[in-house]
Structures are given as C-alpha cells and as structure tokens.
Amino acid sequence: MMRFLGKLRGKGTLVCGDETIGPADYDLDGYTTRPGEVVASGELRMPPADLQRSFGRRDLRLLTSDGKVFHVRFSGKPSDSHADAAHVDVTEGLPPAKEWRH
C-alpha cells in the first residue's frame, strides 16, 4: 500500500556526471511503497534550454541547496522546447519516511 508522506520543495543544481546542467527548482510528493522504501515524484523547473539538454540522459542528480543529492529521471517526454517544467521521479537520496512532514 502506498502512503503519502508529504512534500519537499526547494532549489538546487541539476548535474549529469561531472557536467553541471543548470539551476533548478523542485516540488516533490513523497510516498512509502513498502517499509523502508521512500520514492518521490513531482516537478522540476529550470530554463527551457537546460531542460531540453537533460532529457534522455542517465546519471542525473539534483544537488539541493540544503546538501541532499537526489537521483532523478524524467518520467515524461519533452512536450515543448519552450517548456520550463517537467515531471521527474526520485528513487535515491530521499530522507527516510519519519523526516517528511505533511
């Protein structure tokens, strides 16, 4: 059973390997899917050109302004070359369930 944990919002920098792609804002909803497993999905906002350069790349990480490292992957396709937001999933680097707030 999936249980909603709360939201995480903030600013960070999207990187791929050793390459810095650019600044990003994130808005994530967190869930537990089974004991000890936390996943999140939500929106990543960044300049359209940087967002377009990110699609289809592996090893994307969001370095948050508060020191976390989220491993992200885009869960949709780029819809518009001028869009500044895309849907992402995060499966690594999230805080444990007890640290989320509604």
C-alpha atoms as a PDB file:
ATOM      1  CA  MET A   1       0.000   0.000   0.000  1.00  0.00           C
ATOM      2  CA  MET A   2       1.322   3.410  -0.967  1.00  0.00           C
ATOM      3  CA  ARG A   3       1.238   6.076   1.765  1.00  0.00           C
ATOM      4  CA  PHE A   4       1.662   9.820   1.197  1.00  0.00           C
ATOM      5  CA  LEU A   5       4.460  11.294   3.327  1.00  0.00           C
ATOM      6  CA  GLY A   6       4.460  14.960   2.405  1.00  0.00           C
ATOM      7  CA  LYS A   7       6.148  17.467   0.129  1.00  0.00           C
ATOM      8  CA  LEU A   8       9.691  18.633  -0.477  1.00  0.00           C
ATOM      9  CA  ARG A   9      10.295  21.955  -2.227  1.00  0.00           C
ATOM     10  CA  GLY A  10      13.449  23.851  -2.844  1.00  0.00           C
ATOM     11  CA  LYS A  11      16.254  24.910  -5.129  1.00  0.00           C
ATOM     12  CA  GLY A  12      19.246  23.054  -6.419  1.00  0.00           C
ATOM     13  CA  THR A  13      21.510  22.339  -9.361  1.00  0.00           C
ATOM     14  CA  LEU A  14      20.978  19.573 -11.896  1.00  0.00           C
ATOM     15  CA  VAL A  15      24.148  17.697 -12.840  1.00  0.00           C
ATOM     16  CA  CYS A  16      24.959  14.750 -15.088  1.00  0.00           C
ATOM     17  CA  GLY A  17      28.220  13.001 -14.261  1.00  0.00           C
ATOM     18  CA  ASP A  18      30.787  15.803 -13.915  1.00  0.00           C
ATOM     19  CA  GLU A  19      28.752  18.256 -16.032  1.00  0.00           C
ATOM     20  CA  THR A  20      26.674  20.984 -14.400  1.00  0.00           C
ATOM     21  CA  ILE A  21      23.480  21.435 -16.409  1.00  0.00           C
ATOM     22  CA  GLY A  22      21.977  24.340 -14.510  1.00  0.00           C
ATOM     23  CA  PRO A  23      19.894  25.683 -11.621  1.00  0.00           C
ATOM     24  CA  ALA A  24      16.548  24.055 -10.892  1.00  0.00           C
ATOM     25  CA  ASP A  25      13.566  24.375  -8.573  1.00  0.00           C
ATOM     26  CA  TYR A  26      11.816  21.221  -7.400  1.00  0.00           C
ATOM     27  CA  ASP A  27       8.430  20.343  -5.938  1.00  0.00           C
ATOM     28  CA  LEU A  28       8.138  16.676  -4.939  1.00  0.00           C
ATOM     29  CA  ASP A  29       5.498  14.471  -3.307  1.00  0.00           C
ATOM     30  CA  GLY A  30       6.930  11.650  -1.200  1.00  0.00           C
ATOM     31  CA  TYR A  31       5.460   8.183  -0.664  1.00  0.00           C
ATOM     32  CA  THR A  32       6.383   4.932   1.028  1.00  0.00           C
ATOM     33  CA  THR A  33       5.676   1.905  -1.115  1.00  0.00           C
ATOM     34  CA  ARG A  34       6.783  -0.687   1.442  1.00  0.00           C
ATOM     35  CA  PRO A  35       8.530  -0.473   4.817  1.00  0.00           C
ATOM     36  CA  GLY A  36      11.800   1.423   4.474  1.00  0.00           C
ATOM     37  CA  GLU A  37      11.296   2.383   0.823  1.00  0.00           C
ATOM     38  CA  VAL A  38      10.674   6.047   0.026  1.00  0.00           C
ATOM     39  CA  VAL A  39      10.025   7.329  -3.501  1.00  0.00           C
ATOM     40  CA  ALA A  40       9.010  10.737  -4.792  1.00  0.00           C
ATOM     41  CA  SER A  41       7.645  12.289  -7.945  1.00  0.00           C
ATOM     42  CA  GLY A  42       6.912  15.822  -8.937  1.00  0.00           C
ATOM     43  CA  GLU A  43       8.012  18.766 -10.984  1.00  0.00           C
ATOM     44  CA  LEU A  44      11.437  20.098 -11.884  1.00  0.00           C
ATOM     45  CA  ARG A  45      11.610  23.684 -13.208  1.00  0.00           C
ATOM     46  CA  MET A  46      14.602  25.117 -14.992  1.00  0.00           C
ATOM     47  CA  PRO A  47      15.471  27.238 -18.041  1.00  0.00           C
ATOM     48  CA  PRO A  48      13.980  25.583 -21.175  1.00  0.00           C
ATOM     49  CA  ALA A  49      17.338  25.087 -22.929  1.00  0.00           C
ATOM     50  CA  ASP A  50      18.789  23.318 -19.866  1.00  0.00           C
ATOM     51  CA  LEU A  51      15.670  21.192 -19.521  1.00  0.00           C
ATOM     52  CA  GLN A  52      15.882  20.108 -23.161  1.00  0.00           C
ATOM     53  CA  ARG A  53      19.573  19.177 -22.756  1.00  0.00           C
ATOM     54  CA  SER A  54      18.655  16.947 -19.797  1.00  0.00           C
ATOM     55  CA  PHE A  55      16.085  14.669 -21.426  1.00  0.00           C
ATOM     56  CA  GLY A  56      17.273  11.167 -22.227  1.00  0.00           C
ATOM     57  CA  ARG A  57      20.406  11.425 -20.086  1.00  0.00           C
ATOM     58  CA  ARG A  58      21.421   8.954 -17.434  1.00  0.00           C
ATOM     59  CA  ASP A  59      23.048   9.645 -14.089  1.00  0.00           C
ATOM     60  CA  LEU A  60      21.085  12.854 -13.486  1.00  0.00           C
ATOM     61  CA  ARG A  61      21.397  14.142  -9.951  1.00  0.00           C
ATOM     62  CA  LEU A  62      19.810  17.122  -8.272  1.00  0.00           C
ATOM     63  CA  LEU A  63      22.150  18.701  -5.735  1.00  0.00           C
ATOM     64  CA  THR A  64      19.821  20.549  -3.374  1.00  0.00           C
ATOM     65  CA  SER A  65      20.677  23.809  -1.651  1.00  0.00           C
ATOM     66  CA  ASP A  66      20.434  22.023   1.721  1.00  0.00           C
ATOM     67  CA  GLY A  67      23.015  19.372   0.794  1.00  0.00           C
ATOM     68  CA  LYS A  68      20.911  16.433  -0.398  1.00  0.00           C
ATOM     69  CA  VAL A  69      21.633  14.509  -3.606  1.00  0.00           C
ATOM     70  CA  PHE A  70      18.534  13.188  -5.382  1.00  0.00           C
ATOM     71  CA  HIS A  71      18.923  10.743  -8.271  1.00  0.00           C
ATOM     72  CA  VAL A  72      16.278  11.839 -10.778  1.00  0.00           C
ATOM     73  CA  ARG A  73      14.872  10.595 -14.043  1.00  0.00           C
ATOM     74  CA  PHE A  74      12.370  12.250 -16.309  1.00  0.00           C
ATOM     75  CA  SER A  75       9.119  10.309 -16.386  1.00  0.00           C
ATOM     76  CA  GLY A  76       7.655  12.078 -19.391  1.00  0.00           C
ATOM     77  CA  LYS A  77       8.780  13.243 -22.786  1.00  0.00           C
ATOM     78  CA  PRO A  78       9.691  16.815 -23.630  1.00  0.00           C
ATOM     79  CA  SER A  79       6.445  18.346 -24.772  1.00  0.00           C
ATOM     80  CA  ASP A  80       7.575  21.774 -25.853  1.00  0.00           C
ATOM     81  CA  SER A  81      11.022  23.191 -26.482  1.00  0.00           C
ATOM     82  CA  HIS A  82       9.938  26.343 -24.617  1.00  0.00           C
ATOM     83  CA  ALA A  83       8.654  24.495 -21.528  1.00  0.00           C
ATOM     84  CA  ASP A  84      10.407  25.233 -18.257  1.00  0.00           C
ATOM     85  CA  ALA A  85       8.969  22.315 -16.246  1.00  0.00           C
ATOM     86  CA  ALA A  86       8.967  18.528 -16.490  1.00  0.00           C
ATOM     87  CA  HIS A  87       7.811  15.582 -14.401  1.00  0.00           C
ATOM     88  CA  VAL A  88      10.517  13.622 -12.570  1.00  0.00           C
ATOM     89  CA  ASP A  89      10.774  10.557 -10.354  1.00  0.00           C
ATOM     90  CA  VAL A  90      13.276  10.249  -7.500  1.00  0.00           C
ATOM     91  CA  THR A  91      14.256   6.877  -6.031  1.00  0.00           C
ATOM     92  CA  GLU A  92      17.584   7.590  -4.324  1.00  0.00           C
ATOM     93  CA  GLY A  93      18.784  10.189  -1.854  1.00  0.00           C
ATOM     94  CA  LEU A  94      15.416  10.910  -0.242  1.00  0.00           C
ATOM     95  CA  PRO A  95      15.051  11.364   3.509  1.00  0.00           C
ATOM     96  CA  PRO A  96      13.534   8.479   5.500  1.00  0.00           C
ATOM     97  CA  ALA A  97       9.752   8.411   5.999  1.00  0.00           C
ATOM     98  CA  LYS A  98       9.913   9.785   9.561  1.00  0.00           C
ATOM     99  CA  GLU A  99      11.559  13.027   8.339  1.00  0.00           C
ATOM    100  CA  TRP A 100       8.752  14.043   5.957  1.00  0.00           C
ATOM    101  CA  ARG A 101       6.037  16.474   7.014  1.00  0.00           C
ATOM    102  CA  HIS A 102       2.542  16.847   5.588  1.00  0.00           C
END
